[in-house]
Amino acid sequence: EDRQGSSGRTNCPAVSKPLTALIPKYNIGLTLSGYPTFMIYVPYSSTPERNVEFVLFDEDDNEIFKQRMPLTGTPGIVKFKLPQSAPMLEVGKQYRWQFFYQCNPRL
């Protein structure tokens, strides 16, 4: 929903470019696909291994899909294609998504 990572107390290392959702200006993106691909710039290393989480909400703010996945190939752009196991996005409806990265996950 936001183009940059949140602020506040964090254990993440300082970076020159923040965690950023790669979306059009004004936080509005349109798609022709029922199962679009989402892109996020992750400035942190994927080592040590860690998982990230993608969450999709409908226009009533109900969580309709959540998936944890291993992070690989970062720093860099992470692409996440909404899988066929998720509800297909419907024409004329609005959705919100979040991507969670935890710098120092608790074991």
N, C-alpha and C. Protein backbone atom coordinates (compact mmCIF):
# COMPACT_ATOMS: atom_id res chain seq x y z
N GLU A 1 0.81 -1.18 0.00
CA GLU A 1 0.00 0.00 0.00
C GLU A 1 0.87 1.26 0.00
N ASP A 2 2.05 1.17 0.54
CA ASP A 2 2.93 2.33 0.61
C ASP A 2 4.14 2.07 -0.27
N ARG A 3 4.71 3.11 -0.84
CA ARG A 3 5.82 2.93 -1.77
C ARG A 3 7.15 2.75 -1.05
N GLN A 4 7.20 2.99 0.25
CA GLN A 4 8.45 2.84 0.98
C GLN A 4 8.22 2.05 2.25
N GLY A 5 9.30 1.54 2.78
CA GLY A 5 9.22 0.81 4.04
C GLY A 5 8.78 1.74 5.15
N SER A 6 8.22 1.15 6.20
CA SER A 6 7.75 1.95 7.31
C SER A 6 8.92 2.45 8.14
N SER A 7 8.65 3.48 8.90
CA SER A 7 9.68 4.03 9.77
C SER A 7 9.41 3.60 11.20
N GLY A 8 10.27 3.97 12.07
CA GLY A 8 10.12 3.61 13.47
C GLY A 8 11.33 2.82 13.91
N ARG A 9 11.19 2.16 15.05
CA ARG A 9 12.30 1.36 15.56
C ARG A 9 12.49 0.14 14.67
N THR A 10 13.71 -0.07 14.26
CA THR A 10 14.00 -1.19 13.39
C THR A 10 15.39 -1.72 13.68
N ASN A 11 15.56 -2.99 13.42
CA ASN A 11 16.88 -3.60 13.55
C ASN A 11 17.52 -3.79 12.19
N CYS A 12 16.93 -3.21 11.17
CA CYS A 12 17.46 -3.36 9.82
C CYS A 12 18.69 -2.47 9.65
N PRO A 13 19.67 -2.95 8.87
CA PRO A 13 20.84 -2.12 8.62
C PRO A 13 20.47 -0.91 7.76
N ALA A 14 21.25 0.14 7.88
CA ALA A 14 21.03 1.33 7.06
C ALA A 14 21.30 0.99 5.60
N VAL A 15 20.45 1.50 4.71
CA VAL A 15 20.59 1.27 3.27
C VAL A 15 20.39 2.59 2.54
N SER A 16 20.93 2.67 1.33
CA SER A 16 20.78 3.91 0.56
C SER A 16 19.41 4.02 -0.11
N LYS A 17 18.79 2.88 -0.44
CA LYS A 17 17.44 2.86 -1.02
C LYS A 17 16.57 1.97 -0.13
N PRO A 18 15.38 2.45 0.27
CA PRO A 18 14.54 1.68 1.18
C PRO A 18 13.79 0.54 0.49
N LEU A 19 13.22 -0.33 1.29
CA LEU A 19 12.31 -1.35 0.79
C LEU A 19 11.18 -0.62 0.09
N THR A 20 10.95 -0.93 -1.20
CA THR A 20 10.03 -0.13 -2.00
C THR A 20 9.14 -0.99 -2.88
N ALA A 21 7.84 -0.76 -2.82
CA ALA A 21 6.90 -1.40 -3.75
C ALA A 21 7.05 -0.70 -5.10
N LEU A 22 7.22 -1.48 -6.14
CA LEU A 22 7.39 -0.90 -7.48
C LEU A 22 6.02 -0.85 -8.15
N ILE A 23 5.36 0.27 -7.94
CA ILE A 23 4.01 0.48 -8.45
C ILE A 23 3.93 1.85 -9.10
N PRO A 24 2.89 2.09 -9.90
CA PRO A 24 2.74 3.41 -10.53
C PRO A 24 2.57 4.52 -9.49
N LYS A 25 2.70 5.75 -9.95
CA LYS A 25 2.51 6.91 -9.08
C LYS A 25 1.13 6.86 -8.44
N TYR A 26 1.01 7.53 -7.33
CA TYR A 26 -0.24 7.70 -6.59
C TYR A 26 -0.76 6.39 -6.00
N ASN A 27 0.10 5.36 -5.92
CA ASN A 27 -0.27 4.09 -5.31
C ASN A 27 -1.48 3.42 -5.96
N ILE A 28 -1.70 3.71 -7.23
CA ILE A 28 -2.80 3.08 -7.96
C ILE A 28 -2.21 2.30 -9.12
N GLY A 29 -2.54 1.03 -9.17
CA GLY A 29 -2.08 0.18 -10.26
C GLY A 29 -3.27 -0.55 -10.84
N LEU A 30 -3.30 -0.64 -12.13
CA LEU A 30 -4.37 -1.35 -12.81
C LEU A 30 -3.78 -2.58 -13.47
N THR A 31 -4.59 -3.62 -13.59
CA THR A 31 -4.12 -4.84 -14.23
C THR A 31 -5.22 -5.45 -15.08
N LEU A 32 -4.82 -6.15 -16.12
CA LEU A 32 -5.75 -6.92 -16.93
C LEU A 32 -5.75 -8.38 -16.51
N SER A 33 -4.82 -8.73 -15.63
CA SER A 33 -4.66 -10.11 -15.21
C SER A 33 -5.41 -10.40 -13.92
N GLY A 34 -6.05 -11.55 -13.86
CA GLY A 34 -6.66 -12.00 -12.62
C GLY A 34 -5.64 -12.48 -11.63
N TYR A 35 -4.43 -12.77 -12.13
CA TYR A 35 -3.32 -13.24 -11.30
C TYR A 35 -2.06 -12.44 -11.65
N PRO A 36 -2.01 -11.18 -11.20
CA PRO A 36 -0.89 -10.30 -11.59
C PRO A 36 0.41 -10.64 -10.88
N THR A 37 1.48 -10.01 -11.34
CA THR A 37 2.79 -10.11 -10.73
C THR A 37 3.06 -8.81 -9.98
N PHE A 38 3.52 -8.93 -8.74
CA PHE A 38 3.85 -7.80 -7.90
C PHE A 38 5.38 -7.71 -7.80
N MET A 39 5.92 -6.49 -7.74
CA MET A 39 7.36 -6.33 -7.67
C MET A 39 7.74 -5.40 -6.52
N ILE A 40 8.79 -5.82 -5.79
CA ILE A 40 9.26 -5.08 -4.63
C ILE A 40 10.78 -5.01 -4.71
N TYR A 41 11.33 -3.83 -4.47
CA TYR A 41 12.78 -3.71 -4.36
C TYR A 41 13.14 -3.99 -2.90
N VAL A 42 13.97 -5.00 -2.68
CA VAL A 42 14.44 -5.37 -1.34
C VAL A 42 15.93 -5.03 -1.25
N PRO A 43 16.30 -4.06 -0.38
CA PRO A 43 17.69 -3.63 -0.31
C PRO A 43 18.58 -4.52 0.56
N TYR A 44 18.00 -5.51 1.20
CA TYR A 44 18.74 -6.35 2.14
C TYR A 44 19.16 -7.67 1.52
N SER A 45 20.23 -8.23 2.02
CA SER A 45 20.76 -9.49 1.52
C SER A 45 19.83 -10.66 1.87
N SER A 46 19.76 -11.63 0.98
CA SER A 46 18.95 -12.82 1.23
C SER A 46 19.74 -13.86 2.04
N THR A 47 20.95 -13.51 2.46
CA THR A 47 21.69 -14.40 3.36
C THR A 47 21.95 -13.64 4.65
N PRO A 48 21.69 -14.22 5.80
CA PRO A 48 21.27 -15.60 5.98
C PRO A 48 19.84 -15.81 5.45
N GLU A 49 19.49 -17.07 5.22
CA GLU A 49 18.18 -17.39 4.68
C GLU A 49 17.07 -16.86 5.58
N ARG A 50 16.03 -16.38 4.95
CA ARG A 50 14.85 -15.90 5.68
C ARG A 50 13.63 -15.97 4.78
N ASN A 51 12.47 -15.93 5.39
CA ASN A 51 11.22 -15.92 4.64
C ASN A 51 10.64 -14.52 4.63
N VAL A 52 9.86 -14.22 3.60
CA VAL A 52 9.10 -12.99 3.52
C VAL A 52 7.63 -13.39 3.39
N GLU A 53 6.75 -12.42 3.54
CA GLU A 53 5.33 -12.74 3.49
C GLU A 53 4.60 -11.74 2.60
N PHE A 54 3.73 -12.26 1.74
CA PHE A 54 2.88 -11.45 0.87
C PHE A 54 1.45 -11.64 1.36
N VAL A 55 0.71 -10.53 1.53
CA VAL A 55 -0.68 -10.61 1.99
C VAL A 55 -1.53 -9.74 1.06
N LEU A 56 -2.68 -10.28 0.64
CA LEU A 56 -3.61 -9.57 -0.25
C LEU A 56 -4.92 -9.36 0.49
N PHE A 57 -5.47 -8.14 0.40
CA PHE A 57 -6.72 -7.78 1.06
C PHE A 57 -7.73 -7.33 0.00
N ASP A 58 -9.01 -7.61 0.27
CA ASP A 58 -10.06 -7.12 -0.63
C ASP A 58 -10.43 -5.69 -0.25
N GLU A 59 -11.42 -5.14 -0.96
CA GLU A 59 -11.75 -3.73 -0.73
C GLU A 59 -12.42 -3.47 0.62
N ASP A 60 -12.84 -4.54 1.30
CA ASP A 60 -13.39 -4.42 2.66
C ASP A 60 -12.33 -4.68 3.72
N ASP A 61 -11.08 -4.76 3.29
CA ASP A 61 -9.92 -5.00 4.16
C ASP A 61 -9.91 -6.40 4.76
N ASN A 62 -10.57 -7.35 4.12
CA ASN A 62 -10.51 -8.74 4.53
C ASN A 62 -9.28 -9.38 3.90
N GLU A 63 -8.53 -10.13 4.70
CA GLU A 63 -7.39 -10.85 4.16
C GLU A 63 -7.91 -12.00 3.30
N ILE A 64 -7.55 -12.00 2.01
CA ILE A 64 -8.06 -13.05 1.13
C ILE A 64 -6.97 -14.02 0.67
N PHE A 65 -5.71 -13.64 0.91
CA PHE A 65 -4.62 -14.53 0.54
C PHE A 65 -3.37 -14.15 1.31
N LYS A 66 -2.63 -15.17 1.76
CA LYS A 66 -1.36 -14.93 2.45
C LYS A 66 -0.42 -16.06 2.07
N GLN A 67 0.83 -15.69 1.78
CA GLN A 67 1.83 -16.71 1.47
C GLN A 67 3.19 -16.29 1.99
N ARG A 68 3.84 -17.21 2.72
CA ARG A 68 5.23 -17.04 3.13
C ARG A 68 6.09 -17.74 2.09
N MET A 69 7.25 -17.16 1.82
CA MET A 69 8.14 -17.75 0.82
C MET A 69 9.58 -17.41 1.16
N PRO A 70 10.51 -18.22 0.70
CA PRO A 70 11.92 -17.90 0.94
C PRO A 70 12.36 -16.72 0.09
N LEU A 71 13.22 -15.91 0.63
CA LEU A 71 13.77 -14.76 -0.09
C LEU A 71 15.06 -15.19 -0.76
N THR A 72 15.19 -14.90 -2.05
CA THR A 72 16.41 -15.23 -2.79
C THR A 72 16.79 -14.06 -3.70
N GLY A 73 18.07 -13.98 -4.03
CA GLY A 73 18.54 -13.02 -5.03
C GLY A 73 18.50 -11.57 -4.64
N THR A 74 18.61 -11.27 -3.37
CA THR A 74 18.60 -9.87 -2.97
C THR A 74 19.94 -9.51 -2.33
N PRO A 75 20.30 -8.22 -2.38
CA PRO A 75 19.46 -7.11 -2.73
C PRO A 75 19.08 -7.12 -4.21
N GLY A 76 17.89 -6.62 -4.47
CA GLY A 76 17.39 -6.57 -5.83
C GLY A 76 15.87 -6.59 -5.85
N ILE A 77 15.33 -6.80 -7.04
CA ILE A 77 13.88 -6.79 -7.24
C ILE A 77 13.34 -8.20 -7.04
N VAL A 78 12.32 -8.30 -6.20
CA VAL A 78 11.62 -9.55 -5.95
C VAL A 78 10.30 -9.49 -6.71
N LYS A 79 10.02 -10.54 -7.48
CA LYS A 79 8.75 -10.63 -8.20
C LYS A 79 7.90 -11.72 -7.56
N PHE A 80 6.63 -11.43 -7.35
CA PHE A 80 5.72 -12.41 -6.79
C PHE A 80 4.48 -12.47 -7.68
N LYS A 81 4.27 -13.61 -8.32
CA LYS A 81 3.08 -13.81 -9.15
C LYS A 81 2.00 -14.44 -8.29
N LEU A 82 0.83 -13.82 -8.27
CA LEU A 82 -0.29 -14.37 -7.52
C LEU A 82 -0.61 -15.74 -8.09
N PRO A 83 -0.54 -16.79 -7.27
CA PRO A 83 -0.72 -18.15 -7.79
C PRO A 83 -2.19 -18.49 -8.07
N GLN A 84 -2.40 -19.51 -8.86
CA GLN A 84 -3.75 -19.97 -9.20
C GLN A 84 -4.52 -20.43 -7.97
N SER A 85 -3.82 -20.75 -6.88
CA SER A 85 -4.48 -21.17 -5.64
C SER A 85 -5.12 -19.99 -4.90
N ALA A 86 -4.78 -18.78 -5.29
CA ALA A 86 -5.37 -17.57 -4.70
C ALA A 86 -6.66 -17.23 -5.43
N PRO A 87 -7.54 -16.46 -4.78
CA PRO A 87 -8.73 -15.99 -5.49
C PRO A 87 -8.32 -15.07 -6.65
N MET A 88 -8.94 -15.26 -7.79
CA MET A 88 -8.65 -14.41 -8.95
C MET A 88 -9.17 -12.99 -8.68
N LEU A 89 -8.37 -11.97 -9.04
CA LEU A 89 -8.82 -10.59 -8.88
C LEU A 89 -10.00 -10.35 -9.81
N GLU A 90 -10.99 -9.62 -9.31
CA GLU A 90 -12.21 -9.38 -10.07
C GLU A 90 -12.22 -7.98 -10.68
N VAL A 91 -12.80 -7.87 -11.86
CA VAL A 91 -12.92 -6.60 -12.56
C VAL A 91 -13.75 -5.63 -11.72
N GLY A 92 -13.28 -4.39 -11.63
CA GLY A 92 -14.01 -3.34 -10.94
C GLY A 92 -13.82 -3.31 -9.43
N LYS A 93 -13.08 -4.25 -8.87
CA LYS A 93 -12.85 -4.25 -7.43
C LYS A 93 -11.45 -3.72 -7.13
N GLN A 94 -11.30 -3.18 -5.93
CA GLN A 94 -10.02 -2.66 -5.50
C GLN A 94 -9.41 -3.61 -4.48
N TYR A 95 -8.10 -3.72 -4.53
CA TYR A 95 -7.36 -4.59 -3.63
C TYR A 95 -6.19 -3.83 -3.04
N ARG A 96 -5.70 -4.33 -1.91
CA ARG A 96 -4.52 -3.76 -1.25
C ARG A 96 -3.60 -4.93 -0.94
N TRP A 97 -2.30 -4.70 -1.04
CA TRP A 97 -1.36 -5.77 -0.73
C TRP A 97 -0.25 -5.26 0.15
N GLN A 98 0.36 -6.20 0.90
CA GLN A 98 1.48 -5.87 1.76
C GLN A 98 2.55 -6.93 1.58
N PHE A 99 3.78 -6.50 1.77
CA PHE A 99 4.93 -7.38 1.69
C PHE A 99 5.72 -7.17 2.97
N PHE A 100 5.95 -8.25 3.71
CA PHE A 100 6.63 -8.16 4.99
C PHE A 100 8.03 -8.76 4.92
N TYR A 101 8.98 -7.99 5.38
CA TYR A 101 10.37 -8.45 5.50
C TYR A 101 10.79 -8.16 6.93
N GLN A 102 11.30 -9.16 7.61
CA GLN A 102 11.75 -8.98 8.99
C GLN A 102 13.26 -9.09 9.03
N CYS A 103 13.92 -8.02 9.43
CA CYS A 103 15.39 -8.00 9.42
C CYS A 103 16.00 -9.01 10.37
N ASN A 104 15.46 -9.11 11.56
CA ASN A 104 16.00 -10.02 12.57
C ASN A 104 14.88 -10.89 13.10
N PRO A 105 14.47 -11.90 12.31
CA PRO A 105 13.36 -12.73 12.77
C PRO A 105 13.71 -13.51 14.03
N ARG A 106 12.71 -13.69 14.86
CA ARG A 106 12.90 -14.49 16.07
C ARG A 106 12.81 -15.95 15.68
N LEU A 107 13.67 -16.73 16.24
CA LEU A 107 13.68 -18.16 15.92
C LEU A 107 12.66 -18.90 16.73
